[in-house]
Protein backbone atom coordinates (compact mmCIF):
# COMPACT_ATOMS: atom_id res chain seq x y z
CA MET A 1 -9.05 -64.64 22.00
CA ASN A 2 -10.31 -61.16 21.90
CA LEU A 3 -10.64 -59.52 18.40
CA SER A 4 -11.52 -56.61 17.34
CA SER A 5 -12.48 -54.75 13.75
CA VAL A 6 -12.02 -51.02 13.85
CA TYR A 7 -13.20 -48.74 10.64
CA VAL A 8 -11.82 -45.38 9.94
CA THR A 9 -12.69 -42.82 7.21
CA THR A 10 -9.96 -40.93 5.58
CA ALA A 11 -9.61 -37.54 3.67
CA SER A 12 -7.92 -39.95 0.95
CA ARG A 13 -6.57 -43.50 0.11
CA SER A 14 -2.98 -42.12 0.56
CA GLU A 15 -3.48 -41.09 4.03
CA ALA A 16 -5.29 -44.25 4.39
CA ILE A 17 -2.27 -45.84 3.83
CA VAL A 18 -0.23 -43.87 6.20
CA ILE A 19 -2.24 -44.76 8.74
CA GLY A 20 -2.15 -48.58 7.85
CA LYS A 21 1.24 -48.78 7.69
CA ALA A 22 1.84 -46.83 10.78
CA VAL A 23 -0.61 -49.00 13.18
CA VAL A 24 0.97 -52.16 11.51
CA ASP A 25 4.34 -51.14 11.89
CA LEU A 26 3.60 -50.17 15.60
CA ARG A 27 2.00 -53.76 16.14
CA LEU A 28 -1.35 -51.85 17.17
CA ALA A 29 -2.80 -54.38 14.21
CA ALA A 30 -1.94 -57.28 12.60
CA CYS A 31 -3.53 -55.92 9.18
CA ALA A 32 -4.83 -52.71 7.96
CA ASN A 33 -6.99 -53.02 4.93
CA ILE A 34 -8.01 -50.18 2.25
CA PHE A 35 -11.51 -50.61 0.64
CA ASP A 36 -11.89 -49.28 -2.78
CA GLY A 37 -10.10 -52.31 -4.60
CA VAL A 38 -9.12 -53.77 -1.63
CA THR A 39 -5.77 -53.03 -0.44
CA SER A 40 -3.95 -55.30 2.66
CA ILE A 41 -1.28 -54.11 4.73
CA TYR A 42 0.22 -57.23 6.82
CA ARG A 43 3.61 -57.56 8.81
């Protein structure tokens, strides 16, 4: 099994949430974590 981690810098928390939801909804990622208080988005 291959695993990858991708870290992306965004201009705002709201932009990070939009991107996180999109990659999870498109099944490009199993989860997205938004760090600052740590918010996780899972499918």
